[in-house]
Amino acid sequence: MNLPQSGAGVMTLPPSVNISKAAALRDAGAFMLDVREPFEYAEYHMPGAVLIPLGELTGRLNEVPKDRPVVVVCRSGNRSQVGRNILKQAGFTAVTSMDGGMRAWRNAGLPVTQ
């Protein structure tokens, strides 16, 4: 996937991406950050996604890499926007939110782990 670059090779991403673009970013090595609650993640999640519940994100920013694009996901797309904003305020530049959340991901037939 070819993404726009800005400055010294820093990847720029739109505020949000659809599930097909999120899947392409995942396949290209993006860090998939799931900000749902543990019980939601346990029900089903994206293979390889890392769970950091939204309420814990500010205290666990050191677990999110700054050298890879980050796609924030949640159940329907609302909490992921908040998570994206938290990361942006913390200095992350290559971060986006996945529209539609894990509901849309699963409904599109994309892989989930249960």
PDB file of N, CA and C in Angstrom:
ATOM      1  N   MET A   1       0.841  -1.174   0.000  1.00  0.00           N
ATOM      2  CA  MET A   1       0.000   0.000   0.000  1.00  0.00           C
ATOM      3  C   MET A   1       0.886   1.236   0.000  1.00  0.00           C
ATOM      4  N   ASN A   2       0.677   2.124  -0.909  1.00  0.00           N
ATOM      5  CA  ASN A   2       1.439   3.361  -0.977  1.00  0.00           C
ATOM      6  C   ASN A   2       0.699   4.446  -0.215  1.00  0.00           C
ATOM      7  N   LEU A   3       1.351   4.969   0.799  1.00  0.00           N
ATOM      8  CA  LEU A   3       0.751   6.020   1.602  1.00  0.00           C
ATOM      9  C   LEU A   3       1.557   7.288   1.451  1.00  0.00           C
ATOM     10  N   PRO A   4       0.892   8.437   1.575  1.00  0.00           N
ATOM     11  CA  PRO A   4       1.609   9.703   1.473  1.00  0.00           C
ATOM     12  C   PRO A   4       2.671   9.820   2.553  1.00  0.00           C
ATOM     13  N   GLN A   5       3.761  10.409   2.205  1.00  0.00           N
ATOM     14  CA  GLN A   5       4.844  10.647   3.151  1.00  0.00           C
ATOM     15  C   GLN A   5       4.929  12.149   3.386  1.00  0.00           C
ATOM     16  N   SER A   6       5.384  12.509   4.560  1.00  0.00           N
ATOM     17  CA  SER A   6       5.526  13.907   4.894  1.00  0.00           C
ATOM     18  C   SER A   6       6.839  14.085   5.640  1.00  0.00           C
ATOM     19  N   GLY A   7       7.562  15.116   5.339  1.00  0.00           N
ATOM     20  CA  GLY A   7       8.812  15.376   6.051  1.00  0.00           C
ATOM     21  C   GLY A   7       9.843  14.298   5.807  1.00  0.00           C
ATOM     22  N   ALA A   8      10.541  13.903   6.860  1.00  0.00           N
ATOM     23  CA  ALA A   8      11.647  12.956   6.765  1.00  0.00           C
ATOM     24  C   ALA A   8      11.142  11.520   6.748  1.00  0.00           C
ATOM     25  N   GLY A   9      10.300  11.210   5.786  1.00  0.00           N
ATOM     26  CA  GLY A   9       9.832   9.839   5.641  1.00  0.00           C
ATOM     27  C   GLY A   9       8.766   9.438   6.643  1.00  0.00           C
ATOM     28  N   VAL A  10       8.184  10.393   7.343  1.00  0.00           N
ATOM     29  CA  VAL A  10       7.137  10.082   8.310  1.00  0.00           C
ATOM     30  C   VAL A  10       5.833   9.854   7.560  1.00  0.00           C
ATOM     31  N   MET A  11       5.214   8.717   7.820  1.00  0.00           N
ATOM     32  CA  MET A  11       3.971   8.384   7.146  1.00  0.00           C
ATOM     33  C   MET A  11       2.850   9.267   7.664  1.00  0.00           C
ATOM     34  N   THR A  12       2.029   9.760   6.757  1.00  0.00           N
ATOM     35  CA  THR A  12       0.847  10.509   7.154  1.00  0.00           C
ATOM     36  C   THR A  12      -0.377   9.677   6.821  1.00  0.00           C
ATOM     37  N   LEU A  13      -1.336   9.691   7.708  1.00  0.00           N
ATOM     38  CA  LEU A  13      -2.562   8.928   7.519  1.00  0.00           C
ATOM     39  C   LEU A  13      -3.755   9.848   7.697  1.00  0.00           C
ATOM     40  N   PRO A  14      -4.864   9.548   7.029  1.00  0.00           N
ATOM     41  CA  PRO A  14      -6.080  10.332   7.254  1.00  0.00           C
ATOM     42  C   PRO A  14      -6.609  10.060   8.666  1.00  0.00           C
ATOM     43  N   PRO A  15      -7.509  10.893   9.176  1.00  0.00           N
ATOM     44  CA  PRO A  15      -8.050  10.665  10.520  1.00  0.00           C
ATOM     45  C   PRO A  15      -8.711   9.300  10.680  1.00  0.00           C
ATOM     46  N   SER A  16      -9.339   8.807   9.614  1.00  0.00           N
ATOM     47  CA  SER A  16      -9.955   7.481   9.685  1.00  0.00           C
ATOM     48  C   SER A  16      -9.842   6.794   8.333  1.00  0.00           C
ATOM     49  N   VAL A  17      -9.915   5.463   8.379  1.00  0.00           N
ATOM     50  CA  VAL A  17      -9.854   4.655   7.157  1.00  0.00           C
ATOM     51  C   VAL A  17     -10.974   3.625   7.192  1.00  0.00           C
ATOM     52  N   ASN A  18     -11.402   3.186   6.008  1.00  0.00           N
ATOM     53  CA  ASN A  18     -12.410   2.131   5.952  1.00  0.00           C
ATOM     54  C   ASN A  18     -11.748   0.783   6.236  1.00  0.00           C
ATOM     55  N   ILE A  19     -12.566  -0.255   6.344  1.00  0.00           N
ATOM     56  CA  ILE A  19     -12.006  -1.548   6.744  1.00  0.00           C
ATOM     57  C   ILE A  19     -11.059  -2.128   5.707  1.00  0.00           C
ATOM     58  N   SER A  20     -11.296  -1.867   4.430  1.00  0.00           N
ATOM     59  CA  SER A  20     -10.378  -2.421   3.430  1.00  0.00           C
ATOM     60  C   SER A  20      -9.012  -1.751   3.521  1.00  0.00           C
ATOM     61  N   LYS A  21      -8.978  -0.446   3.773  1.00  0.00           N
ATOM     62  CA  LYS A  21      -7.687   0.237   3.949  1.00  0.00           C
ATOM     63  C   LYS A  21      -7.024  -0.196   5.256  1.00  0.00           C
ATOM     64  N   ALA A  22      -7.833  -0.414   6.292  1.00  0.00           N
ATOM     65  CA  ALA A  22      -7.276  -0.905   7.557  1.00  0.00           C
ATOM     66  C   ALA A  22      -6.659  -2.285   7.368  1.00  0.00           C
ATOM     67  N   ALA A  23      -7.328  -3.139   6.599  1.00  0.00           N
ATOM     68  CA  ALA A  23      -6.794  -4.483   6.328  1.00  0.00           C
ATOM     69  C   ALA A  23      -5.478  -4.386   5.563  1.00  0.00           C
ATOM     70  N   ALA A  24      -5.407  -3.458   4.604  1.00  0.00           N
ATOM     71  CA  ALA A  24      -4.169  -3.280   3.839  1.00  0.00           C
ATOM     72  C   ALA A  24      -3.043  -2.773   4.740  1.00  0.00           C
ATOM     73  N   LEU A  25      -3.358  -1.856   5.639  1.00  0.00           N
ATOM     74  CA  LEU A  25      -2.351  -1.363   6.582  1.00  0.00           C
ATOM     75  C   LEU A  25      -1.875  -2.488   7.494  1.00  0.00           C
ATOM     76  N   ARG A  26      -2.816  -3.302   7.968  1.00  0.00           N
ATOM     77  CA  ARG A  26      -2.469  -4.452   8.821  1.00  0.00           C
ATOM     78  C   ARG A  26      -1.526  -5.382   8.074  1.00  0.00           C
ATOM     79  N   ASP A  27      -1.873  -5.696   6.831  1.00  0.00           N
ATOM     80  CA  ASP A  27      -1.045  -6.591   6.025  1.00  0.00           C
ATOM     81  C   ASP A  27       0.337  -6.010   5.755  1.00  0.00           C
ATOM     82  N   ALA A  28       0.429  -4.675   5.754  1.00  0.00           N
ATOM     83  CA  ALA A  28       1.709  -4.006   5.513  1.00  0.00           C
ATOM     84  C   ALA A  28       2.525  -3.825   6.797  1.00  0.00           C
ATOM     85  N   GLY A  29       2.001  -4.311   7.941  1.00  0.00           N
ATOM     86  CA  GLY A  29       2.766  -4.266   9.179  1.00  0.00           C
ATOM     87  C   GLY A  29       2.363  -3.212  10.184  1.00  0.00           C
ATOM     88  N   ALA A  30       1.212  -2.574   9.990  1.00  0.00           N
ATOM     89  CA  ALA A  30       0.763  -1.575  10.962  1.00  0.00           C
ATOM     90  C   ALA A  30       0.483  -2.229  12.311  1.00  0.00           C
ATOM     91  N   PHE A  31       0.599  -1.448  13.364  1.00  0.00           N
ATOM     92  CA  PHE A  31       0.269  -1.879  14.720  1.00  0.00           C
ATOM     93  C   PHE A  31      -1.231  -1.700  14.890  1.00  0.00           C
ATOM     94  N   MET A  32      -1.931  -2.780  15.150  1.00  0.00           N
ATOM     95  CA  MET A  32      -3.385  -2.741  15.300  1.00  0.00           C
ATOM     96  C   MET A  32      -3.703  -2.663  16.791  1.00  0.00           C
ATOM     97  N   LEU A  33      -4.238  -1.534  17.206  1.00  0.00           N
ATOM     98  CA  LEU A  33      -4.517  -1.263  18.613  1.00  0.00           C
ATOM     99  C   LEU A  33      -6.015  -1.353  18.872  1.00  0.00           C
ATOM    100  N   ASP A  34      -6.414  -2.322  19.671  1.00  0.00           N
ATOM    101  CA  ASP A  34      -7.817  -2.532  20.029  1.00  0.00           C
ATOM    102  C   ASP A  34      -8.061  -1.861  21.375  1.00  0.00           C
ATOM    103  N   VAL A  35      -8.959  -0.864  21.405  1.00  0.00           N
ATOM    104  CA  VAL A  35      -9.204  -0.109  22.632  1.00  0.00           C
ATOM    105  C   VAL A  35     -10.512  -0.513  23.322  1.00  0.00           C
ATOM    106  N   ARG A  36     -11.056  -1.671  22.956  1.00  0.00           N
ATOM    107  CA  ARG A  36     -12.274  -2.149  23.612  1.00  0.00           C
ATOM    108  C   ARG A  36     -11.940  -2.690  25.003  1.00  0.00           C
ATOM    109  N   GLU A  37     -12.959  -3.119  25.699  1.00  0.00           N
ATOM    110  CA  GLU A  37     -12.785  -3.723  27.017  1.00  0.00           C
ATOM    111  C   GLU A  37     -12.365  -5.186  26.866  1.00  0.00           C
ATOM    112  N   PRO A  38     -11.706  -5.749  27.879  1.00  0.00           N
ATOM    113  CA  PRO A  38     -11.243  -7.141  27.783  1.00  0.00           C
ATOM    114  C   PRO A  38     -12.342  -8.146  27.436  1.00  0.00           C
ATOM    115  N   PHE A  39     -13.555  -7.969  27.964  1.00  0.00           N
ATOM    116  CA  PHE A  39     -14.618  -8.924  27.651  1.00  0.00           C
ATOM    117  C   PHE A  39     -15.017  -8.855  26.179  1.00  0.00           C
ATOM    118  N   GLU A  40     -14.946  -7.665  25.576  1.00  0.00           N
ATOM    119  CA  GLU A  40     -15.257  -7.522  24.152  1.00  0.00           C
ATOM    120  C   GLU A  40     -14.167  -8.180  23.309  1.00  0.00           C
ATOM    121  N   TYR A  41     -12.922  -7.951  23.686  1.00  0.00           N
ATOM    122  CA  TYR A  41     -11.779  -8.531  22.984  1.00  0.00           C
ATOM    123  C   TYR A  41     -11.830 -10.049  23.058  1.00  0.00           C
ATOM    124  N   ALA A  42     -12.203 -10.590  24.220  1.00  0.00           N
ATOM    125  CA  ALA A  42     -12.269 -12.043  24.404  1.00  0.00           C
ATOM    126  C   ALA A  42     -13.352 -12.670  23.531  1.00  0.00           C
ATOM    127  N   GLU A  43     -14.409 -11.921  23.264  1.00  0.00           N
ATOM    128  CA  GLU A  43     -15.501 -12.426  22.428  1.00  0.00           C
ATOM    129  C   GLU A  43     -15.002 -12.691  21.006  1.00  0.00           C
ATOM    130  N   TYR A  44     -14.338 -11.719  20.425  1.00  0.00           N
ATOM    131  CA  TYR A  44     -13.670 -11.859  19.128  1.00  0.00           C
ATOM    132  C   TYR A  44     -12.795 -10.635  18.907  1.00  0.00           C
ATOM    133  N   HIS A  45     -11.694 -10.838  18.196  1.00  0.00           N
ATOM    134  CA  HIS A  45     -10.799  -9.730  17.886  1.00  0.00           C
ATOM    135  C   HIS A  45     -10.034 -10.008  16.598  1.00  0.00           C
ATOM    136  N   MET A  46      -9.397  -9.001  16.110  1.00  0.00           N
ATOM    137  CA  MET A  46      -8.576  -9.092  14.914  1.00  0.00           C
ATOM    138  C   MET A  46      -7.291  -9.844  15.263  1.00  0.00           C
ATOM    139  N   PRO A  47      -6.921 -10.859  14.483  1.00  0.00           N
ATOM    140  CA  PRO A  47      -5.658 -11.556  14.762  1.00  0.00           C
ATOM    141  C   PRO A  47      -4.489 -10.561  14.785  1.00  0.00           C
ATOM    142  N   GLY A  48      -3.688 -10.654  15.819  1.00  0.00           N
ATOM    143  CA  GLY A  48      -2.524  -9.785  15.935  1.00  0.00           C
ATOM    144  C   GLY A  48      -2.782  -8.447  16.603  1.00  0.00           C
ATOM    145  N   ALA A  49      -4.043  -8.106  16.836  1.00  0.00           N
ATOM    146  CA  ALA A  49      -4.348  -6.826  17.485  1.00  0.00           C
ATOM    147  C   ALA A  49      -3.927  -6.877  18.947  1.00  0.00           C
ATOM    148  N   VAL A  50      -3.441  -5.751  19.433  1.00  0.00           N
ATOM    149  CA  VAL A  50      -3.016  -5.633  20.826  1.00  0.00           C
ATOM    150  C   VAL A  50      -4.104  -4.889  21.597  1.00  0.00           C
ATOM    151  N   LEU A  51      -4.518  -5.469  22.713  1.00  0.00           N
ATOM    152  CA  LEU A  51      -5.564  -4.865  23.540  1.00  0.00           C
ATOM    153  C   LEU A  51      -4.966  -3.911  24.567  1.00  0.00           C
ATOM    154  N   ILE A  52      -5.385  -2.662  24.483  1.00  0.00           N
ATOM    155  CA  ILE A  52      -5.148  -1.676  25.540  1.00  0.00           C
ATOM    156  C   ILE A  52      -6.472  -0.927  25.673  1.00  0.00           C
ATOM    157  N   PRO A  53      -7.270  -1.254  26.681  1.00  0.00           N
ATOM    158  CA  PRO A  53      -8.568  -0.588  26.825  1.00  0.00           C
ATOM    159  C   PRO A  53      -8.418   0.931  26.851  1.00  0.00           C
ATOM    160  N   LEU A  54      -9.381   1.614  26.279  1.00  0.00           N
ATOM    161  CA  LEU A  54      -9.318   3.064  26.156  1.00  0.00           C
ATOM    162  C   LEU A  54      -9.016   3.741  27.489  1.00  0.00           C
ATOM    163  N   GLY A  55      -9.634   3.282  28.560  1.00  0.00           N
ATOM    164  CA  GLY A  55      -9.413   3.883  29.874  1.00  0.00           C
ATOM    165  C   GLY A  55      -8.001   3.717  30.408  1.00  0.00           C
ATOM    166  N   GLU A  56      -7.225   2.813  29.822  1.00  0.00           N
ATOM    167  CA  GLU A  56      -5.843   2.574  30.252  1.00  0.00           C
ATOM    168  C   GLU A  56      -4.814   3.162  29.288  1.00  0.00           C
ATOM    169  N   LEU A  57      -5.267   3.678  28.163  1.00  0.00           N
ATOM    170  CA  LEU A  57      -4.341   4.061  27.095  1.00  0.00           C
ATOM    171  C   LEU A  57      -3.324   5.113  27.526  1.00  0.00           C
ATOM    172  N   THR A  58      -3.755   6.160  28.204  1.00  0.00           N
ATOM    173  CA  THR A  58      -2.796   7.217  28.561  1.00  0.00           C
ATOM    174  C   THR A  58      -1.687   6.702  29.472  1.00  0.00           C
ATOM    175  N   GLY A  59      -1.967   5.701  30.282  1.00  0.00           N
ATOM    176  CA  GLY A  59      -0.953   5.132  31.164  1.00  0.00           C
ATOM    177  C   GLY A  59      -0.108   4.049  30.519  1.00  0.00           C
ATOM    178  N   ARG A  60      -0.450   3.675  29.288  1.00  0.00           N
ATOM    179  CA  ARG A  60       0.278   2.585  28.624  1.00  0.00           C
ATOM    180  C   ARG A  60       0.803   2.998  27.247  1.00  0.00           C
ATOM    181  N   LEU A  61       1.000   4.280  27.039  1.00  0.00           N
ATOM    182  CA  LEU A  61       1.470   4.775  25.742  1.00  0.00           C
ATOM    183  C   LEU A  61       2.806   4.166  25.338  1.00  0.00           C
ATOM    184  N   ASN A  62       3.624   3.794  26.317  1.00  0.00           N
ATOM    185  CA  ASN A  62       4.932   3.209  26.009  1.00  0.00           C
ATOM    186  C   ASN A  62       4.806   1.849  25.332  1.00  0.00           C
ATOM    187  N   GLU A  63       3.631   1.239  25.342  1.00  0.00           N
ATOM    188  CA  GLU A  63       3.417  -0.048  24.688  1.00  0.00           C
ATOM    189  C   GLU A  63       3.041   0.097  23.213  1.00  0.00           C
ATOM    190  N   VAL A  64       2.841   1.332  22.774  1.00  0.00           N
ATOM    191  CA  VAL A  64       2.458   1.596  21.388  1.00  0.00           C
ATOM    192  C   VAL A  64       3.688   2.103  20.640  1.00  0.00           C
ATOM    193  N   PRO A  65       4.080   1.422  19.560  1.00  0.00           N
ATOM    194  CA  PRO A  65       5.287   1.847  18.842  1.00  0.00           C
ATOM    195  C   PRO A  65       5.083   3.150  18.078  1.00  0.00           C
ATOM    196  N   LYS A  66       6.108   3.980  18.083  1.00  0.00           N
ATOM    197  CA  LYS A  66       6.059   5.227  17.316  1.00  0.00           C
ATOM    198  C   LYS A  66       6.693   5.064  15.942  1.00  0.00           C
ATOM    199  N   ASP A  67       7.323   3.915  15.697  1.00  0.00           N
ATOM    200  CA  ASP A  67       8.022   3.714  14.423  1.00  0.00           C
ATOM    201  C   ASP A  67       7.198   2.918  13.412  1.00  0.00           C
ATOM    202  N   ARG A  68       5.932   2.692  13.709  1.00  0.00           N
ATOM    203  CA  ARG A  68       5.029   1.981  12.792  1.00  0.00           C
ATOM    204  C   ARG A  68       3.706   2.728  12.738  1.00  0.00           C
ATOM    205  N   PRO A  69       3.004   2.623  11.615  1.00  0.00           N
ATOM    206  CA  PRO A  69       1.656   3.193  11.588  1.00  0.00           C
ATOM    207  C   PRO A  69       0.783   2.470  12.614  1.00  0.00           C
ATOM    208  N   VAL A  70      -0.146   3.195  13.210  1.00  0.00           N
ATOM    209  CA  VAL A  70      -1.053   2.636  14.209  1.00  0.00           C
ATOM    210  C   VAL A  70      -2.486   2.796  13.709  1.00  0.00           C
ATOM    211  N   VAL A  71      -3.228   1.692  13.706  1.00  0.00           N
ATOM    212  CA  VAL A  71      -4.653   1.721  13.375  1.00  0.00           C
ATOM    213  C   VAL A  71      -5.401   1.388  14.660  1.00  0.00           C
ATOM    214  N   VAL A  72      -6.215   2.318  15.132  1.00  0.00           N
ATOM    215  CA  VAL A  72      -6.970   2.133  16.366  1.00  0.00           C
ATOM    216  C   VAL A  72      -8.345   1.577  16.012  1.00  0.00           C
ATOM    217  N   VAL A  73      -8.726   0.490  16.700  1.00  0.00           N
ATOM    218  CA  VAL A  73     -10.017  -0.148  16.433  1.00  0.00           C
ATOM    219  C   VAL A  73     -10.804  -0.305  17.733  1.00  0.00           C
ATOM    220  N   CYS A  74     -12.124  -0.348  17.590  1.00  0.00           N
ATOM    221  CA  CYS A  74     -13.009  -0.595  18.723  1.00  0.00           C
ATOM    222  C   CYS A  74     -14.206  -1.395  18.214  1.00  0.00           C
ATOM    223  N   ARG A  75     -15.335  -1.312  18.877  1.00  0.00           N
ATOM    224  CA  ARG A  75     -16.504  -2.094  18.471  1.00  0.00           C
ATOM    225  C   ARG A  75     -17.174  -1.501  17.238  1.00  0.00           C
ATOM    226  N   SER A  76     -17.432  -0.176  17.271  1.00  0.00           N
ATOM    227  CA  SER A  76     -18.182   0.427  16.169  1.00  0.00           C
ATOM    228  C   SER A  76     -17.507   1.637  15.534  1.00  0.00           C
ATOM    229  N   GLY A  77     -16.416   2.099  16.101  1.00  0.00           N
ATOM    230  CA  GLY A  77     -15.688   3.219  15.516  1.00  0.00           C
ATOM    231  C   GLY A  77     -15.674   4.485  16.349  1.00  0.00           C
ATOM    232  N   ASN A  78     -16.395   4.519  17.459  1.00  0.00           N
ATOM    233  CA  ASN A  78     -16.427   5.733  18.280  1.00  0.00           C
ATOM    234  C   ASN A  78     -15.240   5.830  19.235  1.00  0.00           C
ATOM    235  N   ARG A  79     -15.010   4.793  20.025  1.00  0.00           N
ATOM    236  CA  ARG A  79     -13.882   4.818  20.971  1.00  0.00           C
ATOM    237  C   ARG A  79     -12.549   4.905  20.245  1.00  0.00           C
ATOM    238  N   SER A  80     -12.478   4.321  19.051  1.00  0.00           N
ATOM    239  CA  SER A  80     -11.211   4.372  18.314  1.00  0.00           C
ATOM    240  C   SER A  80     -10.853   5.806  17.937  1.00  0.00           C
ATOM    241  N   GLN A  81     -11.846   6.649  17.687  1.00  0.00           N
ATOM    242  CA  GLN A  81     -11.563   8.055  17.390  1.00  0.00           C
ATOM    243  C   GLN A  81     -10.985   8.754  18.615  1.00  0.00           C
ATOM    244  N   VAL A  82     -11.523   8.440  19.781  1.00  0.00           N
ATOM    245  CA  VAL A  82     -10.989   9.005  21.026  1.00  0.00           C
ATOM    246  C   VAL A  82      -9.555   8.511  21.239  1.00  0.00           C
ATOM    247  N   GLY A  83      -9.333   7.215  21.018  1.00  0.00           N
ATOM    248  CA  GLY A  83      -7.993   6.653  21.145  1.00  0.00           C
ATOM    249  C   GLY A  83      -7.008   7.291  20.184  1.00  0.00           C
ATOM    250  N   ARG A  84      -7.441   7.483  18.944  1.00  0.00           N
ATOM    251  CA  ARG A  84      -6.593   8.164  17.955  1.00  0.00           C
ATOM    252  C   ARG A  84      -6.219   9.546  18.456  1.00  0.00           C
ATOM    253  N   ASN A  85      -7.180  10.287  18.994  1.00  0.00           N
ATOM    254  CA  ASN A  85      -6.904  11.642  19.474  1.00  0.00           C
ATOM    255  C   ASN A  85      -5.930  11.639  20.649  1.00  0.00           C
ATOM    256  N   ILE A  86      -6.052  10.657  21.535  1.00  0.00           N
ATOM    257  CA  ILE A  86      -5.110  10.535  22.654  1.00  0.00           C
ATOM    258  C   ILE A  86      -3.694  10.320  22.118  1.00  0.00           C
ATOM    259  N   LEU A  87      -3.557   9.433  21.141  1.00  0.00           N
ATOM    260  CA  LEU A  87      -2.234   9.165  20.565  1.00  0.00           C
ATOM    261  C   LEU A  87      -1.685  10.400  19.861  1.00  0.00           C
ATOM    262  N   LYS A  88      -2.528  11.100  19.114  1.00  0.00           N
ATOM    263  CA  LYS A  88      -2.086  12.318  18.424  1.00  0.00           C
ATOM    264  C   LYS A  88      -1.578  13.346  19.437  1.00  0.00           C
ATOM    265  N   GLN A  89      -2.326  13.532  20.522  1.00  0.00           N
ATOM    266  CA  GLN A  89      -1.921  14.499  21.547  1.00  0.00           C
ATOM    267  C   GLN A  89      -0.622  14.088  22.228  1.00  0.00           C
ATOM    268  N   ALA A  90      -0.327  12.789  22.223  1.00  0.00           N
ATOM    269  CA  ALA A  90       0.906  12.278  22.835  1.00  0.00           C
ATOM    270  C   ALA A  90       2.079  12.296  21.858  1.00  0.00           C
ATOM    271  N   GLY A  91       1.870  12.819  20.654  1.00  0.00           N
ATOM    272  CA  GLY A  91       2.967  12.956  19.705  1.00  0.00           C
ATOM    273  C   GLY A  91       3.059  11.894  18.635  1.00  0.00           C
ATOM    274  N   PHE A  92       2.119  10.969  18.599  1.00  0.00           N
ATOM    275  CA  PHE A  92       2.107   9.972  17.528  1.00  0.00           C
ATOM    276  C   PHE A  92       1.624  10.662  16.256  1.00  0.00           C
ATOM    277  N   THR A  93       2.294  10.391  15.148  1.00  0.00           N
ATOM    278  CA  THR A  93       1.920  11.063  13.905  1.00  0.00           C
ATOM    279  C   THR A  93       1.224  10.135  12.919  1.00  0.00           C
ATOM    280  N   ALA A  94       1.675   8.905  12.820  1.00  0.00           N
ATOM    281  CA  ALA A  94       1.101   7.952  11.855  1.00  0.00           C
ATOM    282  C   ALA A  94       0.037   7.118  12.555  1.00  0.00           C
ATOM    283  N   VAL A  95      -1.111   7.741  12.819  1.00  0.00           N
ATOM    284  CA  VAL A  95      -2.188   7.062  13.538  1.00  0.00           C
ATOM    285  C   VAL A  95      -3.529   7.372  12.882  1.00  0.00           C
ATOM    286  N   THR A  96      -4.386   6.367  12.816  1.00  0.00           N
ATOM    287  CA  THR A  96      -5.709   6.522  12.224  1.00  0.00           C
ATOM    288  C   THR A  96      -6.706   5.653  12.977  1.00  0.00           C
ATOM    289  N   SER A  97      -7.972   5.910  12.745  1.00  0.00           N
ATOM    290  CA  SER A  97      -9.064   5.153  13.352  1.00  0.00           C
ATOM    291  C   SER A  97      -9.763   4.352  12.255  1.00  0.00           C
ATOM    292  N   MET A  98     -10.196   3.133  12.579  1.00  0.00           N
ATOM    293  CA  MET A  98     -10.903   2.302  11.597  1.00  0.00           C
ATOM    294  C   MET A  98     -12.405   2.547  11.688  1.00  0.00           C
ATOM    295  N   ASP A  99     -12.983   3.033  10.600  1.00  0.00           N
ATOM    296  CA  ASP A  99     -14.427   3.256  10.531  1.00  0.00           C
ATOM    297  C   ASP A  99     -15.189   1.944  10.677  1.00  0.00           C
ATOM    298  N   GLY A 100     -16.289   1.983  11.406  1.00  0.00           N
ATOM    299  CA  GLY A 100     -17.152   0.810  11.515  1.00  0.00           C
ATOM    300  C   GLY A 100     -16.746  -0.184  12.574  1.00  0.00           C
ATOM    301  N   GLY A 101     -15.519  -0.101  13.049  1.00  0.00           N
ATOM    302  CA  GLY A 101     -15.040  -0.964  14.114  1.00  0.00           C
ATOM    303  C   GLY A 101     -15.036  -2.444  13.786  1.00  0.00           C
ATOM    304  N   MET A 102     -14.895  -3.228  14.836  1.00  0.00           N
ATOM    305  CA  MET A 102     -14.813  -4.683  14.680  1.00  0.00           C
ATOM    306  C   MET A 102     -16.114  -5.293  14.182  1.00  0.00           C
ATOM    307  N   ARG A 103     -17.229  -4.620  14.418  1.00  0.00           N
ATOM    308  CA  ARG A 103     -18.496  -5.109  13.850  1.00  0.00           C
ATOM    309  C   ARG A 103     -18.408  -5.145  12.332  1.00  0.00           C
ATOM    310  N   ALA A 104     -17.970  -4.042  11.738  1.00  0.00           N
ATOM    311  CA  ALA A 104     -17.856  -3.972  10.280  1.00  0.00           C
ATOM    312  C   ALA A 104     -16.797  -4.947   9.770  1.00  0.00           C
ATOM    313  N   TRP A 105     -15.691  -5.067  10.492  1.00  0.00           N
ATOM    314  CA  TRP A 105     -14.612  -5.986  10.114  1.00  0.00           C
ATOM    315  C   TRP A 105     -15.149  -7.414  10.027  1.00  0.00           C
ATOM    316  N   ARG A 106     -15.834  -7.837  11.087  1.00  0.00           N
ATOM    317  CA  ARG A 106     -16.376  -9.204  11.128  1.00  0.00           C
ATOM    318  C   ARG A 106     -17.470  -9.387  10.079  1.00  0.00           C
ATOM    319  N   ASN A 107     -18.356  -8.407   9.935  1.00  0.00           N
ATOM    320  CA  ASN A 107     -19.442  -8.511   8.958  1.00  0.00           C
ATOM    321  C   ASN A 107     -18.933  -8.577   7.524  1.00  0.00           C
ATOM    322  N   ALA A 108     -17.738  -8.045   7.286  1.00  0.00           N
ATOM    323  CA  ALA A 108     -17.140  -8.094   5.949  1.00  0.00           C
ATOM    324  C   ALA A 108     -16.449  -9.427   5.688  1.00  0.00           C
ATOM    325  N   GLY A 109     -16.457 -10.309   6.683  1.00  0.00           N
ATOM    326  CA  GLY A 109     -15.833 -11.619   6.506  1.00  0.00           C
ATOM    327  C   GLY A 109     -14.331 -11.617   6.695  1.00  0.00           C
ATOM    328  N   LEU A 110     -13.794 -10.536   7.265  1.00  0.00           N
ATOM    329  CA  LEU A 110     -12.358 -10.478   7.517  1.00  0.00           C
ATOM    330  C   LEU A 110     -12.031 -11.329   8.743  1.00  0.00           C
ATOM    331  N   PRO A 111     -10.777 -11.766   8.878  1.00  0.00           N
ATOM    332  CA  PRO A 111     -10.445 -12.740   9.926  1.00  0.00           C
ATOM    333  C   PRO A 111     -10.622 -12.198  11.344  1.00  0.00           C
ATOM    334  N   VAL A 112     -11.177 -13.056  12.195  1.00  0.00           N
ATOM    335  CA  VAL A 112     -11.284 -12.763  13.618  1.00  0.00           C
ATOM    336  C   VAL A 112     -10.834 -13.988  14.401  1.00  0.00           C
ATOM    337  N   THR A 113     -10.356 -13.739  15.603  1.00  0.00           N
ATOM    338  CA  THR A 113      -9.976 -14.800  16.527  1.00  0.00           C
ATOM    339  C   THR A 113     -10.982 -14.780  17.661  1.00  0.00           C
ATOM    340  N   GLN A 114     -11.434 -15.967  18.061  1.00  0.00           N
ATOM    341  CA  GLN A 114     -12.408 -16.034  19.156  1.00  0.00           C
ATOM    342  C   GLN A 114     -11.821 -16.754  20.330  1.00  0.00           C
TER     343      GLN A 114
END
